Amino acid sequence: MRLHVADGLPRTNNSVEGWHHAFQSSVSCHHPNIYKLIEHIQAEQDHTEQLIARFNAGNQTAVSSKNKYVQVTRRLTVLLLMNGTRPLLEFLRGVAHNIEI
C-alpha cells in the first residue's frame, strides 16, 4: 500500500523538521538528563492529546501558510487521481510542470 499526496499526506518532511526544532528549543539544551527529557516528552504528549481532542471535536488541522504550496498540492492530487486515464508521458509532463527547482 503506497501512501502519497492523494491520501492527504504532505509532500515534504518540513513539518517534521519544524516539530523537531520546536521540541529541541523547548528542551533548551543538546544533552538533557533523562528526567528533563521525560518531562518534555510528557508535555509534548499532553499537547498532542489536546490536538487529537480538538480534531475529534470537528476542528481541522491547519493548512500550509503559503498559498502557492496549497495550489501545487491540489494540482498534484488531481493529477494522481487521473493517473491511468491519460498516457504516461502526458501524466509525467503534468507532474513536471508542478516541480520547482
N, C-alpha and C. Protein backbone atom coordinates (compact mmCIF):
# COMPACT_ATOMS: atom_id res chain seq x y z
N MET A 1 0.84 -1.18 0.00
CA MET A 1 0.00 0.00 0.00
C MET A 1 0.89 1.24 0.00
N ARG A 2 0.79 2.04 -1.04
CA ARG A 2 1.58 3.27 -1.13
C ARG A 2 0.71 4.45 -0.73
N LEU A 3 1.22 5.29 0.13
CA LEU A 3 0.53 6.49 0.54
C LEU A 3 1.21 7.69 -0.10
N HIS A 4 0.43 8.67 -0.52
CA HIS A 4 1.02 9.85 -1.14
C HIS A 4 0.10 11.04 -1.02
N VAL A 5 0.34 12.06 -1.83
CA VAL A 5 -0.39 13.32 -1.76
C VAL A 5 -1.90 13.12 -1.87
N ALA A 6 -2.31 12.20 -2.71
CA ALA A 6 -3.75 11.95 -2.88
C ALA A 6 -4.40 11.46 -1.59
N ASP A 7 -3.61 10.93 -0.68
CA ASP A 7 -4.12 10.47 0.62
C ASP A 7 -4.10 11.58 1.67
N GLY A 8 -3.72 12.79 1.24
CA GLY A 8 -3.68 13.92 2.16
C GLY A 8 -2.38 14.06 2.92
N LEU A 9 -1.35 13.33 2.52
CA LEU A 9 -0.07 13.41 3.22
C LEU A 9 0.77 14.55 2.65
N PRO A 10 1.62 15.15 3.47
CA PRO A 10 2.47 16.24 2.98
C PRO A 10 3.50 15.74 1.97
N ARG A 11 3.94 16.65 1.09
CA ARG A 11 4.92 16.28 0.07
C ARG A 11 6.34 16.36 0.60
N THR A 12 6.56 17.03 1.70
CA THR A 12 7.91 17.20 2.25
C THR A 12 7.91 16.80 3.72
N ASN A 13 9.09 16.78 4.31
CA ASN A 13 9.18 16.49 5.74
C ASN A 13 9.39 17.78 6.54
N ASN A 14 9.02 18.92 5.97
CA ASN A 14 9.19 20.21 6.67
C ASN A 14 8.45 20.25 8.00
N SER A 15 7.28 19.64 8.06
CA SER A 15 6.52 19.66 9.31
C SER A 15 7.25 18.89 10.40
N VAL A 16 7.90 17.80 10.03
CA VAL A 16 8.66 17.02 11.00
C VAL A 16 9.87 17.82 11.47
N GLU A 17 10.55 18.46 10.53
CA GLU A 17 11.70 19.29 10.91
C GLU A 17 11.27 20.45 11.79
N GLY A 18 10.11 21.02 11.51
CA GLY A 18 9.59 22.11 12.34
C GLY A 18 9.28 21.62 13.75
N TRP A 19 8.66 20.42 13.84
CA TRP A 19 8.38 19.86 15.17
C TRP A 19 9.69 19.62 15.92
N HIS A 20 10.68 19.05 15.25
CA HIS A 20 11.95 18.75 15.90
C HIS A 20 12.61 20.02 16.42
N HIS A 21 12.59 21.07 15.62
CA HIS A 21 13.19 22.34 16.04
C HIS A 21 12.46 22.90 17.26
N ALA A 22 11.13 22.85 17.23
CA ALA A 22 10.35 23.37 18.36
C ALA A 22 10.61 22.54 19.62
N PHE A 23 10.67 21.23 19.48
CA PHE A 23 10.92 20.37 20.63
C PHE A 23 12.32 20.61 21.19
N GLN A 24 13.30 20.71 20.31
CA GLN A 24 14.67 20.96 20.74
C GLN A 24 14.78 22.31 21.45
N SER A 25 14.05 23.30 20.95
CA SER A 25 14.06 24.63 21.59
C SER A 25 13.41 24.58 22.96
N SER A 26 12.35 23.76 23.11
CA SER A 26 11.68 23.69 24.41
C SER A 26 12.56 23.00 25.44
N VAL A 27 13.37 22.06 25.01
CA VAL A 27 14.28 21.38 25.93
C VAL A 27 15.42 22.32 26.31
N SER A 28 15.83 23.14 25.40
CA SER A 28 16.82 24.22 25.58
C SER A 28 18.23 23.75 25.93
N CYS A 29 18.56 22.50 25.60
CA CYS A 29 19.93 22.05 25.70
C CYS A 29 20.10 20.82 24.81
N HIS A 30 21.33 20.56 24.40
CA HIS A 30 21.56 19.47 23.46
C HIS A 30 21.58 18.09 24.11
N HIS A 31 21.98 18.01 25.35
CA HIS A 31 22.07 16.72 26.04
C HIS A 31 21.39 16.81 27.41
N PRO A 32 20.03 16.81 27.43
CA PRO A 32 19.34 16.91 28.72
C PRO A 32 19.49 15.61 29.51
N ASN A 33 19.36 15.73 30.83
CA ASN A 33 19.36 14.49 31.61
C ASN A 33 18.03 13.78 31.38
N ILE A 34 17.94 12.54 31.76
CA ILE A 34 16.78 11.71 31.45
C ILE A 34 15.49 12.27 32.04
N TYR A 35 15.57 12.88 33.22
CA TYR A 35 14.38 13.40 33.89
C TYR A 35 13.83 14.61 33.14
N LYS A 36 14.71 15.48 32.69
CA LYS A 36 14.28 16.66 31.93
C LYS A 36 13.68 16.22 30.59
N LEU A 37 14.31 15.23 29.96
CA LEU A 37 13.80 14.73 28.68
C LEU A 37 12.41 14.12 28.85
N ILE A 38 12.22 13.31 29.88
CA ILE A 38 10.91 12.70 30.13
C ILE A 38 9.86 13.77 30.39
N GLU A 39 10.23 14.79 31.15
CA GLU A 39 9.30 15.89 31.43
C GLU A 39 8.83 16.56 30.14
N HIS A 40 9.74 16.81 29.21
CA HIS A 40 9.39 17.47 27.95
C HIS A 40 8.61 16.53 27.03
N ILE A 41 8.92 15.25 27.06
CA ILE A 41 8.15 14.30 26.27
C ILE A 41 6.72 14.21 26.79
N GLN A 42 6.54 14.24 28.11
CA GLN A 42 5.19 14.22 28.69
C GLN A 42 4.41 15.48 28.31
N ALA A 43 5.09 16.62 28.32
CA ALA A 43 4.43 17.87 27.91
C ALA A 43 4.02 17.79 26.44
N GLU A 44 4.87 17.22 25.61
CA GLU A 44 4.56 17.05 24.19
C GLU A 44 3.38 16.09 24.01
N GLN A 45 3.33 15.05 24.82
CA GLN A 45 2.21 14.12 24.75
C GLN A 45 0.91 14.82 25.14
N ASP A 46 0.93 15.63 26.18
CA ASP A 46 -0.27 16.39 26.58
C ASP A 46 -0.73 17.28 25.44
N HIS A 47 0.21 17.97 24.81
CA HIS A 47 -0.13 18.85 23.69
C HIS A 47 -0.75 18.05 22.54
N THR A 48 -0.17 16.90 22.23
CA THR A 48 -0.69 16.06 21.15
C THR A 48 -2.08 15.55 21.47
N GLU A 49 -2.32 15.17 22.71
CA GLU A 49 -3.65 14.70 23.11
C GLU A 49 -4.68 15.82 23.00
N GLN A 50 -4.30 17.04 23.30
CA GLN A 50 -5.20 18.18 23.11
C GLN A 50 -5.54 18.38 21.64
N LEU A 51 -4.53 18.25 20.76
CA LEU A 51 -4.78 18.38 19.33
C LEU A 51 -5.72 17.29 18.83
N ILE A 52 -5.54 16.07 19.33
CA ILE A 52 -6.41 14.96 18.93
C ILE A 52 -7.84 15.22 19.40
N ALA A 53 -8.00 15.73 20.62
CA ALA A 53 -9.34 16.03 21.14
C ALA A 53 -10.00 17.12 20.28
N ARG A 54 -9.24 18.13 19.89
CA ARG A 54 -9.80 19.18 19.02
C ARG A 54 -10.21 18.60 17.67
N PHE A 55 -9.36 17.73 17.12
CA PHE A 55 -9.68 17.10 15.84
C PHE A 55 -10.96 16.28 15.96
N ASN A 56 -11.08 15.49 17.04
CA ASN A 56 -12.28 14.68 17.26
C ASN A 56 -13.52 15.52 17.47
N ALA A 57 -13.32 16.77 17.92
CA ALA A 57 -14.45 17.68 18.12
C ALA A 57 -14.85 18.38 16.83
N GLY A 58 -14.12 18.12 15.75
CA GLY A 58 -14.50 18.71 14.47
C GLY A 58 -13.58 19.77 13.94
N ASN A 59 -12.57 20.17 14.71
CA ASN A 59 -11.61 21.15 14.21
C ASN A 59 -10.68 20.48 13.21
N GLN A 60 -10.39 21.18 12.13
CA GLN A 60 -9.49 20.64 11.13
C GLN A 60 -8.08 21.13 11.38
N THR A 61 -7.11 20.39 10.88
CA THR A 61 -5.73 20.80 11.03
C THR A 61 -5.46 22.00 10.14
N ALA A 62 -4.46 22.77 10.49
CA ALA A 62 -4.10 23.95 9.73
C ALA A 62 -3.49 23.54 8.39
N VAL A 63 -3.82 24.30 7.36
CA VAL A 63 -3.22 24.06 6.06
C VAL A 63 -1.95 24.88 5.94
N SER A 64 -1.21 24.62 4.89
CA SER A 64 0.03 25.35 4.66
C SER A 64 -0.23 26.85 4.65
N SER A 65 0.68 27.60 5.22
CA SER A 65 0.50 29.05 5.28
C SER A 65 0.82 29.71 3.95
N LYS A 66 1.49 28.98 3.04
CA LYS A 66 1.84 29.56 1.76
C LYS A 66 0.87 29.04 0.70
N ASN A 67 0.09 29.95 0.14
CA ASN A 67 -0.94 29.60 -0.81
C ASN A 67 -0.39 28.85 -2.01
N LYS A 68 0.82 29.19 -2.46
CA LYS A 68 1.34 28.52 -3.65
C LYS A 68 1.56 27.03 -3.39
N TYR A 69 1.93 26.65 -2.18
CA TYR A 69 2.11 25.24 -1.86
C TYR A 69 0.76 24.52 -1.80
N VAL A 70 -0.25 25.20 -1.32
CA VAL A 70 -1.60 24.62 -1.29
C VAL A 70 -2.07 24.36 -2.72
N GLN A 71 -1.83 25.31 -3.61
CA GLN A 71 -2.25 25.14 -5.01
C GLN A 71 -1.49 24.01 -5.69
N VAL A 72 -0.19 23.91 -5.47
CA VAL A 72 0.60 22.83 -6.08
C VAL A 72 0.11 21.48 -5.56
N THR A 73 -0.16 21.38 -4.28
CA THR A 73 -0.65 20.13 -3.71
C THR A 73 -1.99 19.74 -4.32
N ARG A 74 -2.88 20.71 -4.50
CA ARG A 74 -4.17 20.42 -5.13
C ARG A 74 -4.00 19.92 -6.56
N ARG A 75 -3.12 20.60 -7.32
CA ARG A 75 -2.90 20.18 -8.70
C ARG A 75 -2.31 18.77 -8.76
N LEU A 76 -1.34 18.47 -7.89
CA LEU A 76 -0.76 17.14 -7.88
C LEU A 76 -1.78 16.08 -7.46
N THR A 77 -2.65 16.42 -6.55
CA THR A 77 -3.70 15.48 -6.13
C THR A 77 -4.61 15.15 -7.30
N VAL A 78 -5.01 16.17 -8.06
CA VAL A 78 -5.85 15.94 -9.24
C VAL A 78 -5.13 15.06 -10.24
N LEU A 79 -3.84 15.35 -10.48
CA LEU A 79 -3.07 14.53 -11.41
C LEU A 79 -3.00 13.07 -10.96
N LEU A 80 -2.76 12.86 -9.67
CA LEU A 80 -2.67 11.49 -9.16
C LEU A 80 -3.99 10.74 -9.28
N LEU A 81 -5.09 11.46 -9.08
CA LEU A 81 -6.39 10.82 -9.20
C LEU A 81 -6.70 10.46 -10.65
N MET A 82 -6.14 11.21 -11.59
CA MET A 82 -6.35 10.96 -13.01
C MET A 82 -5.32 9.98 -13.57
N ASN A 83 -4.36 9.55 -12.78
CA ASN A 83 -3.32 8.64 -13.25
C ASN A 83 -3.95 7.36 -13.79
N GLY A 84 -3.53 6.98 -14.96
CA GLY A 84 -4.09 5.79 -15.60
C GLY A 84 -5.15 6.10 -16.63
N THR A 85 -5.67 7.32 -16.61
CA THR A 85 -6.69 7.70 -17.59
C THR A 85 -6.08 8.45 -18.76
N ARG A 86 -4.82 8.83 -18.63
CA ARG A 86 -4.11 9.56 -19.67
C ARG A 86 -2.81 8.81 -19.98
N PRO A 87 -2.22 9.06 -21.13
CA PRO A 87 -0.93 8.42 -21.43
C PRO A 87 0.11 8.79 -20.38
N LEU A 88 1.03 7.86 -20.12
CA LEU A 88 2.04 8.04 -19.08
C LEU A 88 2.87 9.30 -19.30
N LEU A 89 3.30 9.54 -20.54
CA LEU A 89 4.13 10.71 -20.82
C LEU A 89 3.39 12.01 -20.51
N GLU A 90 2.10 12.05 -20.82
CA GLU A 90 1.29 13.24 -20.52
C GLU A 90 1.17 13.44 -19.01
N PHE A 91 0.99 12.34 -18.28
CA PHE A 91 0.91 12.40 -16.82
C PHE A 91 2.22 12.94 -16.25
N LEU A 92 3.35 12.40 -16.72
CA LEU A 92 4.66 12.84 -16.22
C LEU A 92 4.94 14.30 -16.54
N ARG A 93 4.51 14.75 -17.71
CA ARG A 93 4.69 16.17 -18.05
C ARG A 93 3.88 17.05 -17.09
N GLY A 94 2.67 16.60 -16.77
CA GLY A 94 1.84 17.34 -15.81
C GLY A 94 2.51 17.46 -14.45
N VAL A 95 3.09 16.36 -14.00
CA VAL A 95 3.82 16.38 -12.72
C VAL A 95 5.01 17.31 -12.82
N ALA A 96 5.76 17.21 -13.93
CA ALA A 96 6.96 18.04 -14.11
C ALA A 96 6.64 19.53 -14.09
N HIS A 97 5.48 19.91 -14.59
CA HIS A 97 5.10 21.32 -14.58
C HIS A 97 4.86 21.85 -13.18
N ASN A 98 4.69 20.97 -12.23
CA ASN A 98 4.42 21.37 -10.85
C ASN A 98 5.65 21.28 -9.95
N ILE A 99 6.81 20.98 -10.53
CA ILE A 99 8.03 20.87 -9.76
C ILE A 99 8.87 22.12 -9.95
N GLU A 100 9.25 22.74 -8.85
CA GLU A 100 10.11 23.92 -8.91
C GLU A 100 11.48 23.55 -8.40
N ILE A 101 12.49 24.12 -9.02
CA ILE A 101 13.87 23.87 -8.58
C ILE A 101 14.40 25.08 -7.86
